[in-house]
Amino acid sequence: MRLLSGSARLAGVIGWPVAHSRSPRLHGTWLNRYGIDGAYLPLPVAPEHFADTVRALRHAGFAGANVTIPHKEAAFAVCDRLEPSATRAGAVNTLMFDEHGITGANTDGYGFVANLRAHGVDPASGPALILGAGGAARAIAAALQDAGAAVTICNRSPERAAALTAHLPPARVLPWDQRNAALADHALLVNTTSLGMTLHPPLDMNLDAAPATLAVADIVYAPLTTPLLAAASARHLRAVEGLGMLLHQAVPGFAAWFGVTPVVDEELYRIVAA
């Protein structure tokens, strides 16, 4: 059994709620694997207490924290410094504390692109059609642009899509009712909405116009195989599940907090998916 010392490194995930998060299992697996004197904790924090809690964690000696729903924009505001990934995404999911203050990064885009590559998908293979216009969509769109892909945003609210593309030129907006036909002109389809998640309605998406080379990615990981991914697999399209994004986005934060760059492998996938 791994025992903590008085100098253990501490990090965690801040959310409201946070009990559903698989991040403690993920980081706990790495801490055990590498024999690190440290712990990673679930931290349920209501929005009205978020900023005070983040500052208190830094003063309490935490190395940093992940941030999940609904705090990613509040995390952006509380930082003393922002990495380019956070500035591009307009949100923060990874906080790092030191004697100089609070640094914020966004690793969602990094995790998404790393997961694509792990599934044999080149993010620059062609245009990407992104469904949704929230924080995850912005981070993923920025990462795909940085990798060399043209990006189209398609959202049920065209105003939100337009607001997102205004920050990421030359991304363009596609009306929601044109999403099915537009597949013919894209190499990658990405669902960043909650549609298809457990206890949510399925995504209404028809893949009839999809070329045989289309890759389909869903950032939802509960269930692991969403209705969208099942439909893609039935058409023999390359399907990219969302759990891998969670695993890969965790790598930079773990390295910053605990001093070891961890490996994402099949054993980790099985443990976190269980």
C-alpha atoms as a PDB file:
ATOM      1  CA  MET A   1       0.000   0.000   0.000  1.00  0.00           C
ATOM      2  CA  ARG A   2       1.288   3.444  -0.979  1.00  0.00           C
ATOM      3  CA  LEU A   3       1.547   5.777   2.044  1.00  0.00           C
ATOM      4  CA  LEU A   4       1.790   9.562   1.866  1.00  0.00           C
ATOM      5  CA  SER A   5       4.544  11.488   3.566  1.00  0.00           C
ATOM      6  CA  GLY A   6       4.363  14.979   4.994  1.00  0.00           C
ATOM      7  CA  SER A   7       5.848  16.315   1.741  1.00  0.00           C
ATOM      8  CA  ALA A   8       3.376  14.611  -0.585  1.00  0.00           C
ATOM      9  CA  ARG A   9       2.438  16.499  -3.761  1.00  0.00           C
ATOM     10  CA  LEU A  10      -1.293  17.278  -3.948  1.00  0.00           C
ATOM     11  CA  ALA A  11      -3.628  17.995  -6.862  1.00  0.00           C
ATOM     12  CA  GLY A  12      -7.285  17.371  -7.656  1.00  0.00           C
ATOM     13  CA  VAL A  13     -10.281  18.081  -9.853  1.00  0.00           C
ATOM     14  CA  ILE A  14     -12.666  20.931  -9.066  1.00  0.00           C
ATOM     15  CA  GLY A  15     -16.256  20.612 -10.263  1.00  0.00           C
ATOM     16  CA  TRP A  16     -19.894  21.009  -9.221  1.00  0.00           C
ATOM     17  CA  PRO A  17     -20.819  18.206  -9.047  1.00  0.00           C
ATOM     18  CA  VAL A  18     -17.632  16.169  -9.272  1.00  0.00           C
ATOM     19  CA  ALA A  19     -18.580  12.677  -8.031  1.00  0.00           C
ATOM     20  CA  HIS A  20     -18.954  11.420 -11.610  1.00  0.00           C
ATOM     21  CA  SER A  21     -15.389  12.361 -12.575  1.00  0.00           C
ATOM     22  CA  ARG A  22     -13.019   9.584 -13.631  1.00  0.00           C
ATOM     23  CA  SER A  23      -9.992  11.824 -13.165  1.00  0.00           C
ATOM     24  CA  PRO A  24      -9.215  10.611  -9.591  1.00  0.00           C
ATOM     25  CA  ARG A  25      -9.076   7.023 -10.860  1.00  0.00           C
ATOM     26  CA  LEU A  26      -6.955   8.108 -13.833  1.00  0.00           C
ATOM     27  CA  HIS A  27      -4.400  10.105 -11.842  1.00  0.00           C
ATOM     28  CA  GLY A  28      -4.465   7.605  -8.982  1.00  0.00           C
ATOM     29  CA  THR A  29      -3.466   4.861 -11.420  1.00  0.00           C
ATOM     30  CA  TRP A  30      -0.488   6.894 -12.584  1.00  0.00           C
ATOM     31  CA  LEU A  31       0.537   7.790  -9.016  1.00  0.00           C
ATOM     32  CA  ASN A  32       0.577   4.087  -8.124  1.00  0.00           C
ATOM     33  CA  ARG A  33       2.307   3.077 -11.344  1.00  0.00           C
ATOM     34  CA  TYR A  34       5.183   5.521 -10.862  1.00  0.00           C
ATOM     35  CA  GLY A  35       5.412   5.202  -7.074  1.00  0.00           C
ATOM     36  CA  ILE A  36       4.887   8.927  -6.551  1.00  0.00           C
ATOM     37  CA  ASP A  37       4.450  10.438  -3.101  1.00  0.00           C
ATOM     38  CA  GLY A  38       1.259  12.285  -3.931  1.00  0.00           C
ATOM     39  CA  ALA A  39      -2.529  12.296  -4.102  1.00  0.00           C
ATOM     40  CA  TYR A  40      -5.232  13.512  -6.489  1.00  0.00           C
ATOM     41  CA  LEU A  41      -8.581  14.396  -4.902  1.00  0.00           C
ATOM     42  CA  PRO A  42     -12.149  15.105  -6.045  1.00  0.00           C
ATOM     43  CA  LEU A  43     -13.026  18.627  -4.923  1.00  0.00           C
ATOM     44  CA  PRO A  44     -16.740  19.538  -5.062  1.00  0.00           C
ATOM     45  CA  VAL A  45     -16.896  23.349  -5.068  1.00  0.00           C
ATOM     46  CA  ALA A  46     -19.994  25.467  -5.673  1.00  0.00           C
ATOM     47  CA  PRO A  47     -19.570  28.289  -8.217  1.00  0.00           C
ATOM     48  CA  GLU A  48     -19.841  31.062  -5.616  1.00  0.00           C
ATOM     49  CA  HIS A  49     -16.849  29.607  -3.743  1.00  0.00           C
ATOM     50  CA  PHE A  50     -14.677  28.775  -6.740  1.00  0.00           C
ATOM     51  CA  ALA A  51     -12.217  31.691  -6.799  1.00  0.00           C
ATOM     52  CA  ASP A  52     -11.658  31.660  -3.028  1.00  0.00           C
ATOM     53  CA  THR A  53     -11.137  27.884  -3.073  1.00  0.00           C
ATOM     54  CA  VAL A  54      -8.562  28.020  -5.864  1.00  0.00           C
ATOM     55  CA  ARG A  55      -6.540  30.642  -4.014  1.00  0.00           C
ATOM     56  CA  ALA A  56      -6.833  28.657  -0.781  1.00  0.00           C
ATOM     57  CA  LEU A  57      -5.601  25.471  -2.473  1.00  0.00           C
ATOM     58  CA  ARG A  58      -2.524  27.302  -3.696  1.00  0.00           C
ATOM     59  CA  HIS A  59      -1.808  28.638  -0.202  1.00  0.00           C
ATOM     60  CA  ALA A  60      -2.422  25.158   1.249  1.00  0.00           C
ATOM     61  CA  GLY A  61       0.448  23.779  -0.821  1.00  0.00           C
ATOM     62  CA  PHE A  62      -1.407  22.107  -3.696  1.00  0.00           C
ATOM     63  CA  ALA A  63       0.610  21.803  -6.908  1.00  0.00           C
ATOM     64  CA  GLY A  64      -2.455  22.518  -9.043  1.00  0.00           C
ATOM     65  CA  ALA A  65      -5.817  21.218 -10.140  1.00  0.00           C
ATOM     66  CA  ASN A  66      -7.996  20.255 -13.038  1.00  0.00           C
ATOM     67  CA  VAL A  67     -11.198  22.211 -13.584  1.00  0.00           C
ATOM     68  CA  THR A  68     -14.393  20.767 -14.975  1.00  0.00           C
ATOM     69  CA  ILE A  69     -18.006  21.866 -15.487  1.00  0.00           C
ATOM     70  CA  PRO A  70     -19.133  24.549 -14.642  1.00  0.00           C
ATOM     71  CA  HIS A  71     -15.889  26.291 -13.713  1.00  0.00           C
ATOM     72  CA  LYS A  72     -13.712  26.510 -16.849  1.00  0.00           C
ATOM     73  CA  GLU A  73     -14.506  30.152 -17.609  1.00  0.00           C
ATOM     74  CA  ALA A  74     -14.198  31.141 -13.941  1.00  0.00           C
ATOM     75  CA  ALA A  75     -10.800  29.439 -13.909  1.00  0.00           C
ATOM     76  CA  PHE A  76      -9.752  31.607 -16.851  1.00  0.00           C
ATOM     77  CA  ALA A  77     -10.618  34.714 -14.803  1.00  0.00           C
ATOM     78  CA  VAL A  78      -8.811  33.649 -11.621  1.00  0.00           C
ATOM     79  CA  CYS A  79      -5.412  33.070 -13.262  1.00  0.00           C
ATOM     80  CA  ASP A  80      -2.436  35.385 -12.929  1.00  0.00           C
ATOM     81  CA  ARG A  81      -0.932  34.008 -16.166  1.00  0.00           C
ATOM     82  CA  LEU A  82      -2.426  32.177 -19.130  1.00  0.00           C
ATOM     83  CA  GLU A  83      -0.712  29.799 -21.509  1.00  0.00           C
ATOM     84  CA  PRO A  84      -1.495  30.297 -25.225  1.00  0.00           C
ATOM     85  CA  SER A  85      -3.696  27.182 -25.175  1.00  0.00           C
ATOM     86  CA  ALA A  86      -5.993  28.838 -22.628  1.00  0.00           C
ATOM     87  CA  THR A  87      -6.073  32.155 -24.446  1.00  0.00           C
ATOM     88  CA  ARG A  88      -7.033  30.426 -27.702  1.00  0.00           C
ATOM     89  CA  ALA A  89      -9.713  28.324 -26.013  1.00  0.00           C
ATOM     90  CA  GLY A  90     -11.093  31.128 -23.837  1.00  0.00           C
ATOM     91  CA  ALA A  91     -11.256  28.673 -20.937  1.00  0.00           C
ATOM     92  CA  VAL A  92      -8.985  26.843 -18.494  1.00  0.00           C
ATOM     93  CA  ASN A  93      -9.088  23.194 -17.473  1.00  0.00           C
ATOM     94  CA  THR A  94      -5.636  22.889 -15.878  1.00  0.00           C
ATOM     95  CA  LEU A  95      -4.263  25.089 -13.072  1.00  0.00           C
ATOM     96  CA  MET A  96      -0.659  25.139 -11.897  1.00  0.00           C
ATOM     97  CA  PHE A  97       0.373  26.826  -8.659  1.00  0.00           C
ATOM     98  CA  ASP A  98       3.800  28.202  -7.718  1.00  0.00           C
ATOM     99  CA  GLU A  99       5.317  31.019  -5.716  1.00  0.00           C
ATOM    100  CA  HIS A 100       4.479  33.471  -8.498  1.00  0.00           C
ATOM    101  CA  GLY A 101       0.750  32.736  -8.590  1.00  0.00           C
ATOM    102  CA  ILE A 102      -1.720  30.743 -10.674  1.00  0.00           C
ATOM    103  CA  THR A 103      -1.066  29.668 -14.260  1.00  0.00           C
ATOM    104  CA  GLY A 104      -3.876  28.387 -16.456  1.00  0.00           C
ATOM    105  CA  ALA A 105      -3.738  26.091 -19.479  1.00  0.00           C
ATOM    106  CA  ASN A 106      -6.273  24.308 -21.626  1.00  0.00           C
ATOM    107  CA  THR A 107      -5.318  20.736 -22.519  1.00  0.00           C
ATOM    108  CA  ASP A 108      -8.639  19.691 -24.082  1.00  0.00           C
ATOM    109  CA  GLY A 109      -7.462  20.429 -27.613  1.00  0.00           C
ATOM    110  CA  TYR A 110      -4.157  18.674 -27.001  1.00  0.00           C
ATOM    111  CA  GLY A 111      -5.975  15.636 -25.631  1.00  0.00           C
ATOM    112  CA  PHE A 112      -8.395  15.517 -28.547  1.00  0.00           C
ATOM    113  CA  VAL A 113      -5.668  15.675 -31.204  1.00  0.00           C
ATOM    114  CA  ALA A 114      -3.511  13.132 -29.358  1.00  0.00           C
ATOM    115  CA  ASN A 115      -6.486  10.767 -29.219  1.00  0.00           C
ATOM    116  CA  LEU A 116      -7.118  11.209 -32.940  1.00  0.00           C
ATOM    117  CA  ARG A 117      -3.524  10.277 -33.683  1.00  0.00           C
ATOM    118  CA  ALA A 118      -3.699   7.295 -31.328  1.00  0.00           C
ATOM    119  CA  HIS A 119      -6.589   6.034 -33.488  1.00  0.00           C
ATOM    120  CA  GLY A 120      -4.608   6.535 -36.692  1.00  0.00           C
ATOM    121  CA  VAL A 121      -6.411   9.720 -37.743  1.00  0.00           C
ATOM    122  CA  ASP A 122      -4.344  12.615 -39.107  1.00  0.00           C
ATOM    123  CA  PRO A 123      -5.938  15.851 -37.816  1.00  0.00           C
ATOM    124  CA  ALA A 124      -4.707  17.650 -40.945  1.00  0.00           C
ATOM    125  CA  SER A 125      -6.149  15.110 -43.396  1.00  0.00           C
ATOM    126  CA  GLY A 126      -8.964  17.469 -44.425  1.00  0.00           C
ATOM    127  CA  PRO A 127     -11.700  19.845 -43.257  1.00  0.00           C
ATOM    128  CA  ALA A 128     -13.338  19.200 -39.880  1.00  0.00           C
ATOM    129  CA  LEU A 129     -17.035  19.678 -39.096  1.00  0.00           C
ATOM    130  CA  ILE A 130     -17.541  20.389 -35.376  1.00  0.00           C
ATOM    131  CA  LEU A 131     -20.984  20.043 -33.815  1.00  0.00           C
ATOM    132  CA  GLY A 132     -21.429  22.357 -30.832  1.00  0.00           C
ATOM    133  CA  ALA A 133     -20.110  25.777 -29.839  1.00  0.00           C
ATOM    134  CA  GLY A 134     -19.197  25.484 -26.162  1.00  0.00           C
ATOM    135  CA  GLY A 135     -15.818  25.558 -24.458  1.00  0.00           C
ATOM    136  CA  ALA A 136     -14.811  22.100 -25.655  1.00  0.00           C
ATOM    137  CA  ALA A 137     -15.705  23.009 -29.244  1.00  0.00           C
ATOM    138  CA  ARG A 138     -13.540  26.125 -29.079  1.00  0.00           C
ATOM    139  CA  ALA A 139     -10.544  24.267 -27.636  1.00  0.00           C
ATOM    140  CA  ILE A 140     -10.850  21.477 -30.214  1.00  0.00           C
ATOM    141  CA  ALA A 141     -11.351  23.907 -33.095  1.00  0.00           C
ATOM    142  CA  ALA A 142      -8.232  25.845 -32.089  1.00  0.00           C
ATOM    143  CA  ALA A 143      -6.163  22.650 -31.827  1.00  0.00           C
ATOM    144  CA  LEU A 144      -7.350  21.395 -35.213  1.00  0.00           C
ATOM    145  CA  GLN A 145      -6.537  24.751 -36.798  1.00  0.00           C
ATOM    146  CA  ASP A 146      -3.085  24.667 -35.221  1.00  0.00           C
ATOM    147  CA  ALA A 147      -2.617  21.173 -36.691  1.00  0.00           C
ATOM    148  CA  GLY A 148      -3.473  22.479 -40.164  1.00  0.00           C
ATOM    149  CA  ALA A 149      -7.179  21.642 -40.605  1.00  0.00           C
ATOM    150  CA  ALA A 150      -9.907  23.939 -41.883  1.00  0.00           C
ATOM    151  CA  VAL A 151     -12.755  24.103 -39.367  1.00  0.00           C
ATOM    152  CA  THR A 152     -16.518  24.520 -39.724  1.00  0.00           C
ATOM    153  CA  ILE A 153     -18.742  25.069 -36.665  1.00  0.00           C
ATOM    154  CA  CYS A 154     -22.325  23.809 -36.709  1.00  0.00           C
ATOM    155  CA  ASN A 155     -24.540  24.542 -33.708  1.00  0.00           C
ATOM    156  CA  ARG A 156     -28.256  24.583 -32.993  1.00  0.00           C
ATOM    157  CA  SER A 157     -27.851  28.222 -31.931  1.00  0.00           C
ATOM    158  CA  PRO A 158     -26.243  30.047 -34.881  1.00  0.00           C
ATOM    159  CA  GLU A 159     -25.434  33.031 -32.676  1.00  0.00           C
ATOM    160  CA  ARG A 160     -23.159  30.915 -30.453  1.00  0.00           C
ATOM    161  CA  ALA A 161     -21.493  29.413 -33.511  1.00  0.00           C
ATOM    162  CA  ALA A 162     -20.864  32.881 -34.940  1.00  0.00           C
ATOM    163  CA  ALA A 163     -19.412  34.073 -31.638  1.00  0.00           C
ATOM    164  CA  LEU A 164     -17.007  31.137 -31.575  1.00  0.00           C
ATOM    165  CA  THR A 165     -15.818  31.548 -35.167  1.00  0.00           C
ATOM    166  CA  ALA A 166     -15.253  35.275 -34.593  1.00  0.00           C
ATOM    167  CA  HIS A 167     -12.451  34.306 -32.201  1.00  0.00           C
ATOM    168  CA  LEU A 168     -10.992  31.651 -34.512  1.00  0.00           C
ATOM    169  CA  PRO A 169     -10.812  32.998 -38.054  1.00  0.00           C
ATOM    170  CA  PRO A 170     -11.018  31.660 -40.720  1.00  0.00           C
ATOM    171  CA  ALA A 171     -13.396  29.090 -39.163  1.00  0.00           C
ATOM    172  CA  ARG A 172     -16.841  29.294 -40.735  1.00  0.00           C
ATOM    173  CA  VAL A 173     -20.425  28.677 -39.598  1.00  0.00           C
ATOM    174  CA  LEU A 174     -22.719  26.045 -41.084  1.00  0.00           C
ATOM    175  CA  PRO A 175     -26.483  26.112 -40.409  1.00  0.00           C
ATOM    176  CA  TRP A 176     -27.632  23.201 -38.238  1.00  0.00           C
ATOM    177  CA  ASP A 177     -30.059  21.909 -40.863  1.00  0.00           C
ATOM    178  CA  GLN A 178     -27.217  21.477 -43.360  1.00  0.00           C
ATOM    179  CA  ARG A 179     -25.056  19.252 -41.148  1.00  0.00           C
ATOM    180  CA  ASN A 180     -25.941  15.937 -42.805  1.00  0.00           C
ATOM    181  CA  ALA A 181     -25.337  16.996 -46.412  1.00  0.00           C
ATOM    182  CA  ALA A 182     -22.106  18.784 -45.450  1.00  0.00           C
ATOM    183  CA  LEU A 183     -20.436  15.501 -44.479  1.00  0.00           C
ATOM    184  CA  ALA A 184     -19.568  14.915 -48.128  1.00  0.00           C
ATOM    185  CA  ASP A 185     -17.121  17.847 -47.967  1.00  0.00           C
ATOM    186  CA  HIS A 186     -15.373  16.921 -44.711  1.00  0.00           C
ATOM    187  CA  ALA A 187     -12.742  14.457 -43.535  1.00  0.00           C
ATOM    188  CA  LEU A 188     -13.640  14.592 -39.836  1.00  0.00           C
ATOM    189  CA  LEU A 189     -16.891  14.902 -37.882  1.00  0.00           C
ATOM    190  CA  VAL A 190     -16.637  15.859 -34.199  1.00  0.00           C
ATOM    191  CA  ASN A 191     -19.495  15.844 -31.693  1.00  0.00           C
ATOM    192  CA  THR A 192     -18.708  18.185 -28.796  1.00  0.00           C
ATOM    193  CA  THR A 193     -22.317  18.381 -27.548  1.00  0.00           C
ATOM    194  CA  SER A 194     -23.819  16.334 -24.699  1.00  0.00           C
ATOM    195  CA  LEU A 195     -26.202  14.626 -27.148  1.00  0.00           C
ATOM    196  CA  GLY A 196     -25.653  10.889 -26.941  1.00  0.00           C
ATOM    197  CA  MET A 197     -24.428  10.997 -23.360  1.00  0.00           C
ATOM    198  CA  THR A 198     -26.049   8.740 -20.777  1.00  0.00           C
ATOM    199  CA  LEU A 199     -29.409  10.248 -19.691  1.00  0.00           C
ATOM    200  CA  HIS A 200     -29.341  12.656 -22.674  1.00  0.00           C
ATOM    201  CA  PRO A 201     -31.158  12.358 -26.011  1.00  0.00           C
ATOM    202  CA  PRO A 202     -29.156  10.897 -28.913  1.00  0.00           C
ATOM    203  CA  LEU A 203     -27.582  13.131 -31.534  1.00  0.00           C
ATOM    204  CA  ASP A 204     -29.809  13.415 -34.592  1.00  0.00           C
ATOM    205  CA  MET A 205     -27.223  12.811 -37.303  1.00  0.00           C
ATOM    206  CA  ASN A 206     -27.619  10.981 -40.605  1.00  0.00           C
ATOM    207  CA  LEU A 207     -24.385   9.599 -42.044  1.00  0.00           C
ATOM    208  CA  ASP A 208     -25.755   8.731 -45.493  1.00  0.00           C
ATOM    209  CA  ALA A 209     -23.672  11.445 -47.182  1.00  0.00           C
ATOM    210  CA  ALA A 210     -20.456  10.458 -45.402  1.00  0.00           C
ATOM    211  CA  PRO A 211     -17.543   9.508 -47.658  1.00  0.00           C
ATOM    212  CA  ALA A 212     -15.834   6.202 -46.882  1.00  0.00           C
ATOM    213  CA  THR A 213     -12.796   8.146 -45.627  1.00  0.00           C
ATOM    214  CA  LEU A 214     -14.712  10.137 -42.989  1.00  0.00           C
ATOM    215  CA  ALA A 215     -13.485   9.792 -39.394  1.00  0.00           C
ATOM    216  CA  VAL A 216     -16.113  10.291 -36.678  1.00  0.00           C
ATOM    217  CA  ALA A 217     -15.102  11.454 -33.188  1.00  0.00           C
ATOM    218  CA  ASP A 218     -17.289  11.901 -30.113  1.00  0.00           C
ATOM    219  CA  ILE A 219     -15.969  13.521 -26.938  1.00  0.00           C
ATOM    220  CA  VAL A 220     -18.709  11.811 -24.887  1.00  0.00           C
ATOM    221  CA  TYR A 221     -17.290   8.806 -22.974  1.00  0.00           C
ATOM    222  CA  ALA A 222     -20.358   7.655 -21.033  1.00  0.00           C
ATOM    223  CA  PRO A 223     -21.330   5.446 -22.789  1.00  0.00           C
ATOM    224  CA  LEU A 224     -18.042   4.522 -24.429  1.00  0.00           C
ATOM    225  CA  THR A 225     -19.870   3.721 -27.657  1.00  0.00           C
ATOM    226  CA  THR A 226     -22.380   6.476 -28.329  1.00  0.00           C
ATOM    227  CA  PRO A 227     -25.177   6.094 -30.885  1.00  0.00           C
ATOM    228  CA  LEU A 228     -23.128   8.284 -33.257  1.00  0.00           C
ATOM    229  CA  LEU A 229     -20.073   6.041 -32.974  1.00  0.00           C
ATOM    230  CA  ALA A 230     -22.216   2.926 -33.357  1.00  0.00           C
ATOM    231  CA  ALA A 231     -23.673   4.354 -36.568  1.00  0.00           C
ATOM    232  CA  ALA A 232     -20.175   5.186 -37.834  1.00  0.00           C
ATOM    233  CA  SER A 233     -18.899   1.689 -37.089  1.00  0.00           C
ATOM    234  CA  ALA A 234     -21.907   0.167 -38.852  1.00  0.00           C
ATOM    235  CA  ARG A 235     -20.806   2.044 -41.980  1.00  0.00           C
ATOM    236  CA  HIS A 236     -17.191   0.918 -41.477  1.00  0.00           C
ATOM    237  CA  LEU A 237     -16.063   4.477 -40.807  1.00  0.00           C
ATOM    238  CA  ARG A 238     -13.204   5.131 -38.402  1.00  0.00           C
ATOM    239  CA  ALA A 239     -14.776   5.831 -34.985  1.00  0.00           C
ATOM    240  CA  VAL A 240     -12.864   7.705 -32.256  1.00  0.00           C
ATOM    241  CA  GLU A 241     -14.291   7.414 -28.726  1.00  0.00           C
ATOM    242  CA  GLY A 242     -14.115  10.126 -26.086  1.00  0.00           C
ATOM    243  CA  LEU A 243     -12.367   8.343 -23.227  1.00  0.00           C
ATOM    244  CA  GLY A 244      -9.001   8.591 -24.968  1.00  0.00           C
ATOM    245  CA  MET A 245      -9.340  12.381 -25.033  1.00  0.00           C
ATOM    246  CA  LEU A 246      -9.829  12.358 -21.237  1.00  0.00           C
ATOM    247  CA  LEU A 247      -6.699  10.241 -20.798  1.00  0.00           C
ATOM    248  CA  HIS A 248      -4.477  12.273 -23.112  1.00  0.00           C
ATOM    249  CA  GLN A 249      -5.620  15.691 -21.840  1.00  0.00           C
ATOM    250  CA  ALA A 250      -4.487  14.632 -18.364  1.00  0.00           C
ATOM    251  CA  VAL A 251      -0.852  14.081 -19.374  1.00  0.00           C
ATOM    252  CA  PRO A 252       0.425  17.721 -19.284  1.00  0.00           C
ATOM    253  CA  GLY A 253      -1.140  18.456 -15.894  1.00  0.00           C
ATOM    254  CA  PHE A 254       0.201  15.294 -14.277  1.00  0.00           C
ATOM    255  CA  ALA A 255       3.682  16.072 -15.621  1.00  0.00           C
ATOM    256  CA  ALA A 256       3.549  19.627 -14.251  1.00  0.00           C
ATOM    257  CA  TRP A 257       2.278  18.632 -10.790  1.00  0.00           C
ATOM    258  CA  PHE A 258       4.148  15.392 -10.147  1.00  0.00           C
ATOM    259  CA  GLY A 259       7.288  15.695 -12.297  1.00  0.00           C
ATOM    260  CA  VAL A 260       6.726  12.565 -14.411  1.00  0.00           C
ATOM    261  CA  THR A 261       5.346  12.454 -17.955  1.00  0.00           C
ATOM    262  CA  PRO A 262       2.885   9.537 -17.798  1.00  0.00           C
ATOM    263  CA  VAL A 263       2.079   7.047 -20.535  1.00  0.00           C
ATOM    264  CA  VAL A 264      -1.405   6.442 -21.918  1.00  0.00           C
ATOM    265  CA  ASP A 265      -1.734   2.730 -22.680  1.00  0.00           C
ATOM    266  CA  GLU A 266      -4.282  -0.081 -22.883  1.00  0.00           C
ATOM    267  CA  GLU A 267      -3.951  -0.928 -19.179  1.00  0.00           C
ATOM    268  CA  LEU A 268      -4.826   2.649 -18.197  1.00  0.00           C
ATOM    269  CA  TYR A 269      -7.760   2.643 -20.625  1.00  0.00           C
ATOM    270  CA  ARG A 270      -9.151  -0.554 -19.096  1.00  0.00           C
ATOM    271  CA  ILE A 271      -8.829   0.709 -15.520  1.00  0.00           C
ATOM    272  CA  VAL A 272     -10.473   4.084 -16.190  1.00  0.00           C
ATOM    273  CA  ALA A 273     -13.198   2.557 -18.383  1.00  0.00           C
ATOM    274  CA  ALA A 274     -14.162  -0.043 -15.746  1.00  0.00           C
END
